[in-house]
Every structure is written in structure tokens, then in C-alpha cells.
Amino acid sequence: MSSVCTYCGSSRNIQDDHIIAQSKGGVATTEACAACNQSKSDKPLMEWLRWVKENDSYRWNRIVDHNYRKKSTIAQKIQKIRDEN
């Protein structure tokens, strides 16, 4: 089974992404495509999700669709941002 991006579900160019940037003390990683990983950079997860929602509707829709009805901590954060006004 191939790996997929935790955020958008892409199976292309998968990398390890530090959920909290290494530069900010993060150690936990998840799988992310290069596009998500690079756009997230060292932003905190919630800040990045809000940025994507405001600035990249294509990626935001992929993220929301991929995490629909999932129960992971990341999926719950995505749902929280989705439901914000």
C-alpha cells in the first residue's frame, strides 16, 4: 500500500512533515505531499490550515474532502477550521 498525504490525500512525492516545526521543538511527524509540506513550512498547523482556507481553495477543498468523517486529531482540527465563520 502506498503512502498518502495526511492533509490532502495525494500519493505523489510523499515526505515526512513535522506537525510542529523542528525549529520550534517538534518531533512528531506525519506523511505529507511535497506541496502541503512546503506550503506549511514552519507554520503552526492551525495557522497553516487557516492560510490554506483563505489562499488556496483547491488545496483546501482536497484537505476537507480527504479528512471528511475521519476522527484523527488532525482531521478534527481541519473540521474546526472548516466550521469557523
PDB file of N, CA and C in Angstrom:
ATOM      1  N   MET A   1       0.840  -1.172   0.000  1.00  0.00           N
ATOM      2  CA  MET A   1       0.000   0.000   0.000  1.00  0.00           C
ATOM      3  C   MET A   1       0.891   1.243   0.000  1.00  0.00           C
ATOM      4  N   SER A   2       0.582   2.198  -0.849  1.00  0.00           N
ATOM      5  CA  SER A   2       1.399   3.398  -0.921  1.00  0.00           C
ATOM      6  C   SER A   2       0.961   4.405   0.139  1.00  0.00           C
ATOM      7  N   SER A   3       1.876   5.272   0.468  1.00  0.00           N
ATOM      8  CA  SER A   3       1.600   6.310   1.452  1.00  0.00           C
ATOM      9  C   SER A   3       0.794   7.429   0.819  1.00  0.00           C
ATOM     10  N   VAL A   4       0.018   8.113   1.649  1.00  0.00           N
ATOM     11  CA  VAL A   4      -0.744   9.270   1.182  1.00  0.00           C
ATOM     12  C   VAL A   4      -0.535  10.424   2.146  1.00  0.00           C
ATOM     13  N   CYS A   5      -0.721  11.614   1.627  1.00  0.00           N
ATOM     14  CA  CYS A   5      -0.617  12.827   2.425  1.00  0.00           C
ATOM     15  C   CYS A   5      -1.735  12.851   3.469  1.00  0.00           C
ATOM     16  N   THR A   6      -1.367  13.045   4.704  1.00  0.00           N
ATOM     17  CA  THR A   6      -2.334  13.138   5.797  1.00  0.00           C
ATOM     18  C   THR A   6      -3.303  14.285   5.574  1.00  0.00           C
ATOM     19  N   TYR A   7      -2.823  15.340   4.951  1.00  0.00           N
ATOM     20  CA  TYR A   7      -3.626  16.538   4.785  1.00  0.00           C
ATOM     21  C   TYR A   7      -4.572  16.432   3.584  1.00  0.00           C
ATOM     22  N   CYS A   8      -4.034  16.209   2.383  1.00  0.00           N
ATOM     23  CA  CYS A   8      -4.868  16.286   1.170  1.00  0.00           C
ATOM     24  C   CYS A   8      -5.140  14.944   0.494  1.00  0.00           C
ATOM     25  N   GLY A   9      -4.447  13.895   0.906  1.00  0.00           N
ATOM     26  CA  GLY A   9      -4.686  12.579   0.336  1.00  0.00           C
ATOM     27  C   GLY A   9      -3.874  12.253  -0.905  1.00  0.00           C
ATOM     28  N   SER A  10      -3.030  13.169  -1.357  1.00  0.00           N
ATOM     29  CA  SER A  10      -2.202  12.911  -2.533  1.00  0.00           C
ATOM     30  C   SER A  10      -1.232  11.760  -2.252  1.00  0.00           C
ATOM     31  N   SER A  11      -0.926  10.995  -3.280  1.00  0.00           N
ATOM     32  CA  SER A  11       0.061   9.918  -3.131  1.00  0.00           C
ATOM     33  C   SER A  11       1.365  10.263  -3.859  1.00  0.00           C
ATOM     34  N   ARG A  12       1.477  11.499  -4.324  1.00  0.00           N
ATOM     35  CA  ARG A  12       2.660  11.931  -5.076  1.00  0.00           C
ATOM     36  C   ARG A  12       3.666  12.633  -4.170  1.00  0.00           C
ATOM     37  N   ASN A  13       4.923  12.244  -4.323  1.00  0.00           N
ATOM     38  CA  ASN A  13       6.044  12.928  -3.675  1.00  0.00           C
ATOM     39  C   ASN A  13       5.836  13.068  -2.161  1.00  0.00           C
ATOM     40  N   ILE A  14       5.656  11.934  -1.474  1.00  0.00           N
ATOM     41  CA  ILE A  14       5.383  11.914  -0.034  1.00  0.00           C
ATOM     42  C   ILE A  14       6.672  12.122   0.756  1.00  0.00           C
ATOM     43  N   GLN A  15       6.565  12.973   1.772  1.00  0.00           N
ATOM     44  CA  GLN A  15       7.685  13.318   2.653  1.00  0.00           C
ATOM     45  C   GLN A  15       7.212  13.221   4.096  1.00  0.00           C
ATOM     46  N   ASP A  16       8.176  13.241   5.020  1.00  0.00           N
ATOM     47  CA  ASP A  16       7.816  13.365   6.436  1.00  0.00           C
ATOM     48  C   ASP A  16       7.652  14.836   6.748  1.00  0.00           C
ATOM     49  N   ASP A  17       6.547  15.178   7.396  1.00  0.00           N
ATOM     50  CA  ASP A  17       6.293  16.555   7.817  1.00  0.00           C
ATOM     51  C   ASP A  17       6.265  16.587   9.329  1.00  0.00           C
ATOM     52  N   HIS A  18       6.997  17.521   9.909  1.00  0.00           N
ATOM     53  CA  HIS A  18       6.925  17.722  11.353  1.00  0.00           C
ATOM     54  C   HIS A  18       5.661  18.525  11.643  1.00  0.00           C
ATOM     55  N   ILE A  19       4.753  17.942  12.391  1.00  0.00           N
ATOM     56  CA  ILE A  19       3.480  18.592  12.692  1.00  0.00           C
ATOM     57  C   ILE A  19       3.740  19.934  13.371  1.00  0.00           C
ATOM     58  N   ILE A  20       4.654  19.938  14.313  1.00  0.00           N
ATOM     59  CA  ILE A  20       5.203  21.173  14.873  1.00  0.00           C
ATOM     60  C   ILE A  20       6.615  21.252  14.320  1.00  0.00           C
ATOM     61  N   ALA A  21       6.968  22.368  13.729  1.00  0.00           N
ATOM     62  CA  ALA A  21       8.270  22.505  13.062  1.00  0.00           C
ATOM     63  C   ALA A  21       9.423  22.124  13.996  1.00  0.00           C
ATOM     64  N   GLN A  22      10.431  21.463  13.422  1.00  0.00           N
ATOM     65  CA  GLN A  22      11.617  21.107  14.189  1.00  0.00           C
ATOM     66  C   GLN A  22      12.225  22.346  14.829  1.00  0.00           C
ATOM     67  N   SER A  23      12.200  23.461  14.105  1.00  0.00           N
ATOM     68  CA  SER A  23      12.785  24.699  14.628  1.00  0.00           C
ATOM     69  C   SER A  23      12.041  25.203  15.861  1.00  0.00           C
ATOM     70  N   LYS A  24      10.849  24.667  16.097  1.00  0.00           N
ATOM     71  CA  LYS A  24      10.048  25.066  17.258  1.00  0.00           C
ATOM     72  C   LYS A  24       9.902  23.919  18.247  1.00  0.00           C
ATOM     73  N   GLY A  25      10.801  22.915  18.129  1.00  0.00           N
ATOM     74  CA  GLY A  25      10.835  21.821  19.088  1.00  0.00           C
ATOM     75  C   GLY A  25      10.002  20.606  18.740  1.00  0.00           C
ATOM     76  N   GLY A  26       9.420  20.571  17.543  1.00  0.00           N
ATOM     77  CA  GLY A  26       8.571  19.451  17.165  1.00  0.00           C
ATOM     78  C   GLY A  26       9.348  18.191  16.857  1.00  0.00           C
ATOM     79  N   VAL A  27       8.802  17.059  17.241  1.00  0.00           N
ATOM     80  CA  VAL A  27       9.415  15.773  16.928  1.00  0.00           C
ATOM     81  C   VAL A  27       8.457  14.830  16.206  1.00  0.00           C
ATOM     82  N   ALA A  28       7.152  14.982  16.418  1.00  0.00           N
ATOM     83  CA  ALA A  28       6.169  14.095  15.795  1.00  0.00           C
ATOM     84  C   ALA A  28       6.066  14.417  14.310  1.00  0.00           C
ATOM     85  N   THR A  29       6.014  13.365  13.502  1.00  0.00           N
ATOM     86  CA  THR A  29       5.893  13.557  12.060  1.00  0.00           C
ATOM     87  C   THR A  29       4.660  12.844  11.531  1.00  0.00           C
ATOM     88  N   THR A  30       4.247  13.287  10.357  1.00  0.00           N
ATOM     89  CA  THR A  30       3.170  12.647   9.615  1.00  0.00           C
ATOM     90  C   THR A  30       3.569  12.676   8.149  1.00  0.00           C
ATOM     91  N   GLU A  31       2.895  11.887   7.342  1.00  0.00           N
ATOM     92  CA  GLU A  31       3.201  11.882   5.919  1.00  0.00           C
ATOM     93  C   GLU A  31       2.479  13.034   5.234  1.00  0.00           C
ATOM     94  N   ALA A  32       3.205  13.751   4.375  1.00  0.00           N
ATOM     95  CA  ALA A  32       2.632  14.887   3.650  1.00  0.00           C
ATOM     96  C   ALA A  32       3.227  14.929   2.256  1.00  0.00           C
ATOM     97  N   CYS A  33       2.427  15.352   1.293  1.00  0.00           N
ATOM     98  CA  CYS A  33       2.968  15.543  -0.054  1.00  0.00           C
ATOM     99  C   CYS A  33       3.882  16.769  -0.023  1.00  0.00           C
ATOM    100  N   ALA A  34       4.746  16.871  -1.006  1.00  0.00           N
ATOM    101  CA  ALA A  34       5.688  17.989  -1.050  1.00  0.00           C
ATOM    102  C   ALA A  34       4.960  19.329  -1.092  1.00  0.00           C
ATOM    103  N   ALA A  35       3.840  19.400  -1.817  1.00  0.00           N
ATOM    104  CA  ALA A  35       3.108  20.665  -1.930  1.00  0.00           C
ATOM    105  C   ALA A  35       2.578  21.116  -0.569  1.00  0.00           C
ATOM    106  N   CYS A  36       1.975  20.221   0.189  1.00  0.00           N
ATOM    107  CA  CYS A  36       1.481  20.587   1.525  1.00  0.00           C
ATOM    108  C   CYS A  36       2.647  20.892   2.456  1.00  0.00           C
ATOM    109  N   ASN A  37       3.653  20.039   2.452  1.00  0.00           N
ATOM    110  CA  ASN A  37       4.799  20.211   3.340  1.00  0.00           C
ATOM    111  C   ASN A  37       5.495  21.552   3.090  1.00  0.00           C
ATOM    112  N   GLN A  38       5.701  21.893   1.829  1.00  0.00           N
ATOM    113  CA  GLN A  38       6.388  23.140   1.510  1.00  0.00           C
ATOM    114  C   GLN A  38       5.531  24.357   1.824  1.00  0.00           C
ATOM    115  N   SER A  39       4.227  24.289   1.580  1.00  0.00           N
ATOM    116  CA  SER A  39       3.394  25.455   1.876  1.00  0.00           C
ATOM    117  C   SER A  39       3.225  25.629   3.384  1.00  0.00           C
ATOM    118  N   LYS A  40       3.249  24.522   4.126  1.00  0.00           N
ATOM    119  CA  LYS A  40       3.136  24.597   5.587  1.00  0.00           C
ATOM    120  C   LYS A  40       4.401  25.188   6.180  1.00  0.00           C
ATOM    121  N   SER A  41       5.556  24.809   5.639  1.00  0.00           N
ATOM    122  CA  SER A  41       6.845  25.316   6.103  1.00  0.00           C
ATOM    123  C   SER A  41       6.940  25.173   7.621  1.00  0.00           C
ATOM    124  N   ASP A  42       7.219  26.264   8.330  1.00  0.00           N
ATOM    125  CA  ASP A  42       7.330  26.175   9.790  1.00  0.00           C
ATOM    126  C   ASP A  42       6.122  26.773  10.508  1.00  0.00           C
ATOM    127  N   LYS A  43       5.028  26.945   9.760  1.00  0.00           N
ATOM    128  CA  LYS A  43       3.808  27.494  10.365  1.00  0.00           C
ATOM    129  C   LYS A  43       3.187  26.472  11.318  1.00  0.00           C
ATOM    130  N   PRO A  44       2.608  26.933  12.401  1.00  0.00           N
ATOM    131  CA  PRO A  44       1.821  26.018  13.240  1.00  0.00           C
ATOM    132  C   PRO A  44       0.645  25.474  12.418  1.00  0.00           C
ATOM    133  N   LEU A  45       0.225  24.268  12.722  1.00  0.00           N
ATOM    134  CA  LEU A  45      -0.802  23.583  11.932  1.00  0.00           C
ATOM    135  C   LEU A  45      -2.059  24.433  11.753  1.00  0.00           C
ATOM    136  N   MET A  46      -2.609  24.967  12.833  1.00  0.00           N
ATOM    137  CA  MET A  46      -3.858  25.733  12.734  1.00  0.00           C
ATOM    138  C   MET A  46      -3.658  26.999  11.903  1.00  0.00           C
ATOM    139  N   GLU A  47      -2.534  27.651  12.051  1.00  0.00           N
ATOM    140  CA  GLU A  47      -2.249  28.847  11.245  1.00  0.00           C
ATOM    141  C   GLU A  47      -2.175  28.485   9.772  1.00  0.00           C
ATOM    142  N   TRP A  48      -1.499  27.376   9.456  1.00  0.00           N
ATOM    143  CA  TRP A  48      -1.382  26.945   8.068  1.00  0.00           C
ATOM    144  C   TRP A  48      -2.750  26.580   7.488  1.00  0.00           C
ATOM    145  N   LEU A  49      -3.562  25.861   8.260  1.00  0.00           N
ATOM    146  CA  LEU A  49      -4.888  25.491   7.764  1.00  0.00           C
ATOM    147  C   LEU A  49      -5.725  26.726   7.458  1.00  0.00           C
ATOM    148  N   ARG A  50      -5.665  27.721   8.338  1.00  0.00           N
ATOM    149  CA  ARG A  50      -6.400  28.965   8.068  1.00  0.00           C
ATOM    150  C   ARG A  50      -5.849  29.664   6.822  1.00  0.00           C
ATOM    151  N   TRP A  51      -4.528  29.636   6.658  1.00  0.00           N
ATOM    152  CA  TRP A  51      -3.904  30.241   5.484  1.00  0.00           C
ATOM    153  C   TRP A  51      -4.383  29.538   4.218  1.00  0.00           C
ATOM    154  N   VAL A  52      -4.374  28.208   4.210  1.00  0.00           N
ATOM    155  CA  VAL A  52      -4.822  27.442   3.040  1.00  0.00           C
ATOM    156  C   VAL A  52      -6.278  27.749   2.741  1.00  0.00           C
ATOM    157  N   LYS A  53      -7.123  27.783   3.770  1.00  0.00           N
ATOM    158  CA  LYS A  53      -8.547  28.073   3.574  1.00  0.00           C
ATOM    159  C   LYS A  53      -8.735  29.428   2.891  1.00  0.00           C
ATOM    160  N   GLU A  54      -7.933  30.413   3.260  1.00  0.00           N
ATOM    161  CA  GLU A  54      -8.056  31.764   2.709  1.00  0.00           C
ATOM    162  C   GLU A  54      -7.382  31.938   1.345  1.00  0.00           C
ATOM    163  N   ASN A  55      -6.313  31.178   1.089  1.00  0.00           N
ATOM    164  CA  ASN A  55      -5.454  31.476  -0.059  1.00  0.00           C
ATOM    165  C   ASN A  55      -5.345  30.403  -1.135  1.00  0.00           C
ATOM    166  N   ASP A  56      -5.817  29.189  -0.873  1.00  0.00           N
ATOM    167  CA  ASP A  56      -5.645  28.105  -1.842  1.00  0.00           C
ATOM    168  C   ASP A  56      -6.892  27.213  -1.803  1.00  0.00           C
ATOM    169  N   SER A  57      -7.945  27.661  -2.469  1.00  0.00           N
ATOM    170  CA  SER A  57      -9.230  26.949  -2.388  1.00  0.00           C
ATOM    171  C   SER A  57      -9.138  25.525  -2.928  1.00  0.00           C
ATOM    172  N   TYR A  58      -8.324  25.305  -3.957  1.00  0.00           N
ATOM    173  CA  TYR A  58      -8.178  23.952  -4.499  1.00  0.00           C
ATOM    174  C   TYR A  58      -7.614  23.007  -3.434  1.00  0.00           C
ATOM    175  N   ARG A  59      -6.510  23.403  -2.813  1.00  0.00           N
ATOM    176  CA  ARG A  59      -5.881  22.555  -1.787  1.00  0.00           C
ATOM    177  C   ARG A  59      -6.817  22.428  -0.584  1.00  0.00           C
ATOM    178  N   TRP A  60      -7.468  23.510  -0.185  1.00  0.00           N
ATOM    179  CA  TRP A  60      -8.374  23.458   0.963  1.00  0.00           C
ATOM    180  C   TRP A  60      -9.498  22.446   0.716  1.00  0.00           C
ATOM    181  N   ASN A  61     -10.089  22.459  -0.454  1.00  0.00           N
ATOM    182  CA  ASN A  61     -11.155  21.509  -0.770  1.00  0.00           C
ATOM    183  C   ASN A  61     -10.652  20.073  -0.747  1.00  0.00           C
ATOM    184  N   ARG A  62      -9.435  19.849  -1.224  1.00  0.00           N
ATOM    185  CA  ARG A  62      -8.847  18.492  -1.158  1.00  0.00           C
ATOM    186  C   ARG A  62      -8.642  18.064   0.284  1.00  0.00           C
ATOM    187  N   ILE A  63      -8.150  18.985   1.118  1.00  0.00           N
ATOM    188  CA  ILE A  63      -7.914  18.681   2.535  1.00  0.00           C
ATOM    189  C   ILE A  63      -9.229  18.331   3.227  1.00  0.00           C
ATOM    190  N   VAL A  64     -10.246  19.146   3.015  1.00  0.00           N
ATOM    191  CA  VAL A  64     -11.548  18.903   3.644  1.00  0.00           C
ATOM    192  C   VAL A  64     -12.134  17.578   3.166  1.00  0.00           C
ATOM    193  N   ASP A  65     -12.110  17.336   1.864  1.00  0.00           N
ATOM    194  CA  ASP A  65     -12.670  16.090   1.319  1.00  0.00           C
ATOM    195  C   ASP A  65     -11.928  14.863   1.849  1.00  0.00           C
ATOM    196  N   HIS A  66     -10.599  14.937   1.884  1.00  0.00           N
ATOM    197  CA  HIS A  66      -9.808  13.784   2.334  1.00  0.00           C
ATOM    198  C   HIS A  66     -10.057  13.461   3.806  1.00  0.00           C
ATOM    199  N   ASN A  67     -10.336  14.461   4.615  1.00  0.00           N
ATOM    200  CA  ASN A  67     -10.490  14.262   6.056  1.00  0.00           C
ATOM    201  C   ASN A  67     -11.941  14.175   6.514  1.00  0.00           C
ATOM    202  N   TYR A  68     -12.874  14.155   5.571  1.00  0.00           N
ATOM    203  CA  TYR A  68     -14.292  14.072   5.894  1.00  0.00           C
ATOM    204  C   TYR A  68     -14.581  12.803   6.696  1.00  0.00           C
ATOM    205  N   ARG A  69     -15.221  12.973   7.840  1.00  0.00           N
ATOM    206  CA  ARG A  69     -15.634  11.886   8.734  1.00  0.00           C
ATOM    207  C   ARG A  69     -14.486  11.135   9.395  1.00  0.00           C
ATOM    208  N   LYS A  70     -13.263  11.613   9.273  1.00  0.00           N
ATOM    209  CA  LYS A  70     -12.149  10.985   9.978  1.00  0.00           C
ATOM    210  C   LYS A  70     -12.128  11.504  11.404  1.00  0.00           C
ATOM    211  N   LYS A  71     -11.527  10.749  12.302  1.00  0.00           N
ATOM    212  CA  LYS A  71     -11.540  11.078  13.723  1.00  0.00           C
ATOM    213  C   LYS A  71     -10.162  11.448  14.273  1.00  0.00           C
ATOM    214  N   SER A  72      -9.143  11.483  13.443  1.00  0.00           N
ATOM    215  CA  SER A  72      -7.802  11.800  13.936  1.00  0.00           C
ATOM    216  C   SER A  72      -7.757  13.223  14.489  1.00  0.00           C
ATOM    217  N   THR A  73      -6.742  13.508  15.270  1.00  0.00           N
ATOM    218  CA  THR A  73      -6.560  14.853  15.825  1.00  0.00           C
ATOM    219  C   THR A  73      -6.429  15.884  14.714  1.00  0.00           C
ATOM    220  N   ILE A  74      -5.678  15.564  13.683  1.00  0.00           N
ATOM    221  CA  ILE A  74      -5.505  16.494  12.560  1.00  0.00           C
ATOM    222  C   ILE A  74      -6.841  16.707  11.855  1.00  0.00           C
ATOM    223  N   ALA A  75      -7.596  15.645  11.618  1.00  0.00           N
ATOM    224  CA  ALA A  75      -8.910  15.771  10.964  1.00  0.00           C
ATOM    225  C   ALA A  75      -9.852  16.632  11.804  1.00  0.00           C
ATOM    226  N   GLN A  76      -9.789  16.490  13.113  1.00  0.00           N
ATOM    227  CA  GLN A  76     -10.641  17.307  13.984  1.00  0.00           C
ATOM    228  C   GLN A  76     -10.267  18.786  13.888  1.00  0.00           C
ATOM    229  N   LYS A  77      -8.970  19.076  13.761  1.00  0.00           N
ATOM    230  CA  LYS A  77      -8.534  20.469  13.610  1.00  0.00           C
ATOM    231  C   LYS A  77      -8.998  21.029  12.266  1.00  0.00           C
ATOM    232  N   ILE A  78      -8.939  20.212  11.235  1.00  0.00           N
ATOM    233  CA  ILE A  78      -9.419  20.632   9.910  1.00  0.00           C
ATOM    234  C   ILE A  78     -10.908  20.936   9.977  1.00  0.00           C
ATOM    235  N   GLN A  79     -11.663  20.070  10.622  1.00  0.00           N
ATOM    236  CA  GLN A  79     -13.103  20.282  10.749  1.00  0.00           C
ATOM    237  C   GLN A  79     -13.396  21.557  11.537  1.00  0.00           C
ATOM    238  N   LYS A  80     -12.590  21.841  12.551  1.00  0.00           N
ATOM    239  CA  LYS A  80     -12.775  23.065  13.336  1.00  0.00           C
ATOM    240  C   LYS A  80     -12.576  24.310  12.453  1.00  0.00           C
ATOM    241  N   ILE A  81     -11.505  24.304  11.653  1.00  0.00           N
ATOM    242  CA  ILE A  81     -11.245  25.437  10.747  1.00  0.00           C
ATOM    243  C   ILE A  81     -12.348  25.530   9.698  1.00  0.00           C
ATOM    244  N   ARG A  82     -12.779  24.391   9.168  1.00  0.00           N
ATOM    245  CA  ARG A  82     -13.846  24.379   8.162  1.00  0.00           C
ATOM    246  C   ARG A  82     -15.106  25.044   8.701  1.00  0.00           C
ATOM    247  N   ASP A  83     -15.414  24.799   9.974  1.00  0.00           N
ATOM    248  CA  ASP A  83     -16.654  25.283  10.553  1.00  0.00           C
ATOM    249  C   ASP A  83     -16.583  26.701  11.109  1.00  0.00           C
ATOM    250  N   GLU A  84     -15.382  27.305  11.076  1.00  0.00           N
ATOM    251  CA  GLU A  84     -15.260  28.697  11.513  1.00  0.00           C
ATOM    252  C   GLU A  84     -15.932  29.611  10.499  1.00  0.00           C
ATOM    253  N   ASN A  85     -16.451  30.720  10.975  1.00  0.00           N
ATOM    254  CA  ASN A  85     -17.097  31.695  10.069  1.00  0.00           C
ATOM    255  C   ASN A  85     -16.105  32.347   9.208  1.00  0.00           C
TER     256      ASN A  85
END
